[in-house]
Protein backbone atom coordinates (compact mmCIF):
# COMPACT_ATOMS: atom_id res chain seq x y z
CA MET A 1 -32.94 -16.90 30.34
CA THR A 2 -35.48 -18.23 27.45
CA GLN A 3 -37.21 -20.31 29.74
CA LYS A 4 -37.99 -17.39 32.05
CA LEU A 5 -39.03 -15.50 29.39
CA ILE A 6 -41.52 -18.50 27.94
CA LYS A 7 -42.84 -18.49 31.89
CA GLU A 8 -43.11 -14.57 32.20
CA SER A 9 -45.06 -14.68 28.70
CA GLN A 10 -47.31 -17.33 29.95
CA VAL A 11 -48.23 -15.66 33.54
CA SER A 12 -48.67 -12.40 31.45
CA LYS A 13 -51.47 -14.15 29.45
CA TYR A 14 -52.82 -15.71 32.18
CA LEU A 15 -52.86 -12.36 34.38
CA SER A 16 -54.92 -10.75 30.93
CA GLU A 17 -57.50 -13.45 31.67
CA PHE A 18 -57.89 -12.89 35.04
CA LEU A 19 -58.62 -9.19 34.80
CA GLY A 20 -60.69 -9.06 31.76
CA THR A 21 -63.17 -11.80 33.21
CA PHE A 22 -62.81 -10.12 36.46
CA LEU A 23 -63.42 -6.39 35.42
CA ILE A 24 -66.64 -8.06 33.04
CA VAL A 25 -68.73 -9.20 36.05
CA ALA A 26 -67.77 -6.15 38.21
CA THR A 27 -69.42 -4.03 35.58
CA VAL A 28 -72.27 -6.18 35.68
CA ALA A 29 -72.98 -6.41 38.55
CA GLY A 30 -72.08 -3.01 40.11
CA SER A 31 -74.30 -1.94 37.44
CA GLY A 32 -77.26 -3.81 39.03
CA PHE A 33 -76.62 -2.44 41.94
CA MET A 34 -76.37 1.32 40.79
CA MET A 35 -79.35 0.96 39.08
CA THR A 36 -80.87 0.00 42.03
CA SER A 37 -79.72 2.40 44.48
CA LEU A 38 -80.58 5.14 41.72
CA ASP A 39 -84.32 3.75 41.54
CA ALA A 40 -83.64 3.85 38.06
CA HIS A 41 -86.73 2.62 35.54
CA PRO A 42 -86.17 -0.65 34.10
CA GLY A 43 -85.69 0.51 30.68
CA VAL A 44 -82.83 3.10 31.56
CA GLY A 45 -81.12 1.01 34.25
CA LEU A 46 -81.56 -1.57 31.60
CA ALA A 47 -80.17 0.83 28.23
CA ILE A 48 -76.78 1.59 31.07
CA ILE A 49 -76.11 -2.03 32.06
CA ALA A 50 -75.82 -2.73 28.36
CA ALA A 51 -74.02 0.37 27.57
CA SER A 52 -71.90 0.14 30.62
CA VAL A 53 -70.81 -3.81 29.99
CA GLY A 54 -70.57 -2.74 26.27
CA LEU A 55 -67.82 0.04 27.13
CA VAL A 56 -65.90 -2.35 29.26
CA LEU A 57 -65.54 -5.13 26.93
CA PHE A 58 -64.65 -3.06 23.91
CA GLY A 59 -61.62 -1.62 26.40
CA ALA A 60 -60.63 -4.91 28.27
CA ILE A 61 -60.29 -6.41 25.06
CA SER A 62 -58.58 -4.03 22.98
CA ILE A 63 -56.00 -3.76 26.42
CA PHE A 64 -55.34 -7.94 26.18
CA ILE A 65 -55.96 -8.78 22.93
CA SER A 66 -52.28 -8.62 21.91
CA ILE A 67 -51.13 -10.70 25.23
CA SER A 68 -53.61 -13.46 25.90
CA GLY A 69 -56.16 -13.63 22.31
CA ALA A 70 -59.20 -11.89 25.26
CA HIS A 71 -61.06 -14.66 25.33
CA PHE A 72 -62.31 -13.80 29.09
CA ASN A 73 -64.83 -16.75 27.94
CA PRO A 74 -64.55 -20.45 28.16
CA VAL A 75 -67.01 -20.76 24.71
CA VAL A 76 -64.09 -19.13 23.29
CA THR A 77 -61.35 -20.85 24.66
CA ILE A 78 -62.61 -24.34 23.91
CA ALA A 79 -63.88 -23.26 20.25
CA LEU A 80 -59.97 -22.30 19.75
CA GLY A 81 -58.66 -25.20 20.99
CA LEU A 82 -61.02 -27.01 18.98
CA ARG A 83 -59.51 -25.33 15.98
CA LYS A 84 -56.09 -25.76 17.49
CA GLN A 85 -55.53 -22.44 17.66
CA ILE A 86 -54.61 -22.71 21.36
CA SER A 87 -52.67 -25.98 23.51
CA ALA A 88 -55.53 -27.73 26.14
CA ARG A 89 -53.01 -26.31 28.81
CA ILE A 90 -53.10 -23.22 27.76
CA GLY A 91 -56.60 -23.48 27.44
CA VAL A 92 -57.59 -25.08 31.06
CA ALA A 93 -55.26 -22.63 32.03
CA TYR A 94 -57.12 -19.97 30.56
CA ILE A 95 -60.51 -21.33 31.72
CA VAL A 96 -59.69 -21.98 35.74
CA MET A 97 -58.80 -18.09 35.38
CA GLN A 98 -61.71 -16.92 33.51
CA LEU A 99 -63.30 -18.73 36.88
CA LEU A 100 -61.70 -16.92 39.27
CA GLY A 101 -61.39 -13.54 37.51
CA ALA A 102 -65.23 -13.81 37.53
CA PHE A 103 -66.12 -14.87 41.04
CA SER A 104 -63.50 -11.88 41.83
CA GLY A 105 -65.43 -9.53 40.46
CA ALA A 106 -68.27 -10.80 41.59
CA VAL A 107 -67.00 -10.04 45.46
CA VAL A 108 -65.78 -6.59 44.11
CA ALA A 109 -68.58 -5.25 43.72
CA ASN A 110 -70.83 -6.62 46.39
CA LEU A 111 -67.43 -4.60 48.64
CA MET A 112 -67.79 -1.85 46.76
CA PHE A 113 -71.98 -1.70 47.63
CA GLY A 114 -71.83 -2.71 50.72
CA ARG A 115 -73.20 -6.55 50.70
CA GLU A 116 -71.78 -9.57 51.78
CA VAL A 117 -68.26 -10.31 50.29
CA VAL A 118 -69.99 -13.56 49.30
CA ALA A 119 -73.84 -13.85 48.48
CA ALA A 120 -76.07 -16.19 46.66
CA GLY A 121 -77.31 -14.86 43.45
CA VAL A 122 -81.62 -14.61 43.89
CA VAL A 123 -83.05 -13.79 40.51
CA GLN A 124 -84.00 -16.92 39.22
CA ARG A 125 -83.23 -16.39 35.00
CA LEU A 126 -84.17 -20.03 33.64
CA SER A 127 -87.18 -20.70 31.71
CA THR A 128 -87.28 -21.78 28.10
CA GLU A 129 -87.70 -18.15 26.31
CA THR A 130 -84.19 -17.04 28.37
CA PHE A 131 -82.52 -20.51 27.13
CA ILE A 132 -83.58 -19.82 23.86
CA GLY A 133 -81.80 -16.40 23.96
CA GLU A 134 -78.77 -17.69 25.47
CA ILE A 135 -78.50 -19.58 22.77
CA VAL A 136 -78.78 -17.31 20.13
CA ALA A 137 -76.35 -14.62 22.28
CA THR A 138 -73.30 -16.85 22.58
CA ALA A 139 -73.91 -18.46 19.56
CA GLY A 140 -73.86 -14.67 17.78
CA LEU A 141 -71.04 -13.79 20.07
CA LEU A 142 -68.76 -16.78 19.13
CA LEU A 143 -69.12 -16.19 15.51
CA ILE A 144 -68.16 -12.96 15.24
CA VAL A 145 -64.92 -13.76 16.80
CA LEU A 146 -64.36 -16.76 14.62
CA LEU A 147 -65.27 -15.08 11.75
CA LEU A 148 -63.15 -12.13 12.65
CA VAL A 149 -59.92 -14.32 13.42
CA ASP A 150 -60.25 -15.95 10.38
CA GLN A 151 -60.23 -12.88 8.09
CA GLY A 152 -57.63 -11.46 10.03
CA LYS A 153 -59.58 -8.78 11.06
CA LEU A 154 -58.41 -8.78 14.71
CA SER A 155 -58.97 -4.90 14.86
CA LEU A 156 -62.51 -5.29 15.08
CA ILE A 157 -63.00 -7.51 17.72
CA ALA A 158 -63.42 -4.85 20.23
CA PRO A 159 -65.93 -2.86 18.77
CA SER A 160 -68.02 -5.73 17.43
CA ILE A 161 -67.80 -7.67 20.63
CA GLY A 162 -68.78 -4.88 22.56
CA ALA A 163 -71.79 -3.95 20.53
CA TRP A 164 -73.53 -7.34 20.35
CA VAL A 165 -73.07 -7.61 23.98
CA ALA A 166 -74.37 -4.59 24.87
CA ALA A 167 -77.31 -5.18 21.97
CA GLY A 168 -77.92 -8.17 23.38
CA HIS A 169 -78.90 -7.28 26.75
CA ILE A 170 -81.76 -5.55 24.66
CA PHE A 171 -82.99 -7.87 21.96
CA THR A 172 -82.54 -11.13 23.75
CA SER A 173 -85.08 -12.52 26.72
CA SER A 174 -82.03 -14.16 28.58
CA THR A 175 -79.96 -10.13 28.14
CA SER A 176 -77.28 -12.03 26.70
CA PHE A 177 -74.78 -13.66 29.41
CA ALA A 178 -72.81 -15.99 26.60
CA ASN A 179 -70.20 -17.06 29.14
CA PRO A 180 -69.95 -19.84 31.27
CA ALA A 181 -67.32 -18.33 33.34
CA VAL A 182 -69.52 -14.66 33.74
CA THR A 183 -72.75 -16.52 34.59
CA PHE A 184 -70.58 -18.81 37.04
CA GLY A 185 -69.66 -15.70 38.62
CA ARG A 186 -72.91 -13.68 38.31
CA ALA A 187 -74.55 -16.30 40.64
CA PHE A 188 -72.02 -14.93 43.94
CA THR A 189 -74.13 -11.30 44.07
CA ASP A 190 -77.24 -10.34 45.02
CA ALA A 191 -77.64 -7.72 42.22
CA ILE A 192 -80.28 -7.05 40.45
CA THR A 193 -78.11 -8.24 37.33
CA GLY A 194 -77.03 -11.45 39.08
CA ILE A 195 -78.25 -15.25 38.87
CA GLU A 196 -79.36 -18.10 41.27
CA PHE A 197 -77.17 -21.09 41.33
CA ALA A 198 -80.32 -23.37 39.91
CA SER A 199 -80.60 -21.44 36.59
CA VAL A 200 -76.69 -21.60 36.00
CA PRO A 201 -76.57 -25.15 34.71
CA GLY A 202 -79.25 -23.98 31.92
CA PHE A 203 -77.57 -21.28 31.68
CA VAL A 204 -74.38 -22.82 30.97
CA MET A 205 -76.01 -25.68 28.10
CA ALA A 206 -77.83 -23.55 26.57
CA GLN A 207 -74.26 -21.48 25.87
CA LEU A 208 -72.26 -25.03 25.07
CA ILE A 209 -75.45 -25.63 22.27
CA GLY A 210 -74.86 -22.23 20.60
CA ALA A 211 -71.59 -22.65 20.66
CA ALA A 212 -72.28 -25.52 18.52
CA VAL A 213 -74.53 -23.92 16.53
CA ALA A 214 -71.34 -21.16 16.10
CA LEU A 215 -68.85 -23.79 14.72
CA THR A 216 -71.32 -25.04 12.63
CA LEU A 217 -72.19 -21.93 11.16
CA PHE A 218 -68.54 -21.32 10.80
CA PHE A 219 -67.54 -24.06 9.49
CA PHE A 220 -70.02 -23.34 6.73
CA LEU A 221 -69.23 -19.83 6.33
CA SER A 222 -65.77 -20.40 6.13
CA THR A 223 -65.90 -23.31 3.24
CA LYS A 224 -68.35 -20.93 1.35
CA LYS A 225 -64.98 -18.03 1.50
CA GLU A 226 -62.55 -20.44 0.25
CA GLN A 227 -64.24 -21.57 -2.59
CA ASN A 228 -65.33 -17.76 -3.56
CA VAL A 229 -60.97 -17.65 -3.81
């Protein structure tokens, strides 16, 4: 009976990671298609996409944080794994589910707007400027998570991450992908919010560097906090 409950609990965690990442990619790709179909002004379209993704993140994190921790992002899973807050086995499973969820989100968005089931991304995004933008976007996102978890302020994670990602769409040159799984998923849609495959490795590298920056900053911030207690 105990083993059955453990297995059911693990399934719910993996499903939560799948669904959360699915929702993010379906939203960003779908809002990209909608922006194009409405022939929206680029500035208005960007604001709509930012708001849509921020709100979906707020909702998804609020719903799933008590089930899986609502990572929805390999860099979050890796960082918490390095801090021994999640086992390697579960962490690997989380990342697999995040990638599957991201791919599925792109497929469903494509289908909703009458596109090919799987369409290669066509937007070339990688440049020195966007590489730096992704470092900033990812470092900020992960640092928010680490600090709020460390401070026990879990209820603030959903609004804080939703706000950060929404703002990142506006103030970062990369429009704040900040997530290797989401980057991977967005390569399977030809929406204006997609990304060509050739740009994916560079974006992921920038995200990993951003994660390293966040972990380094967290080390010093956490140390200062402990010294002041």
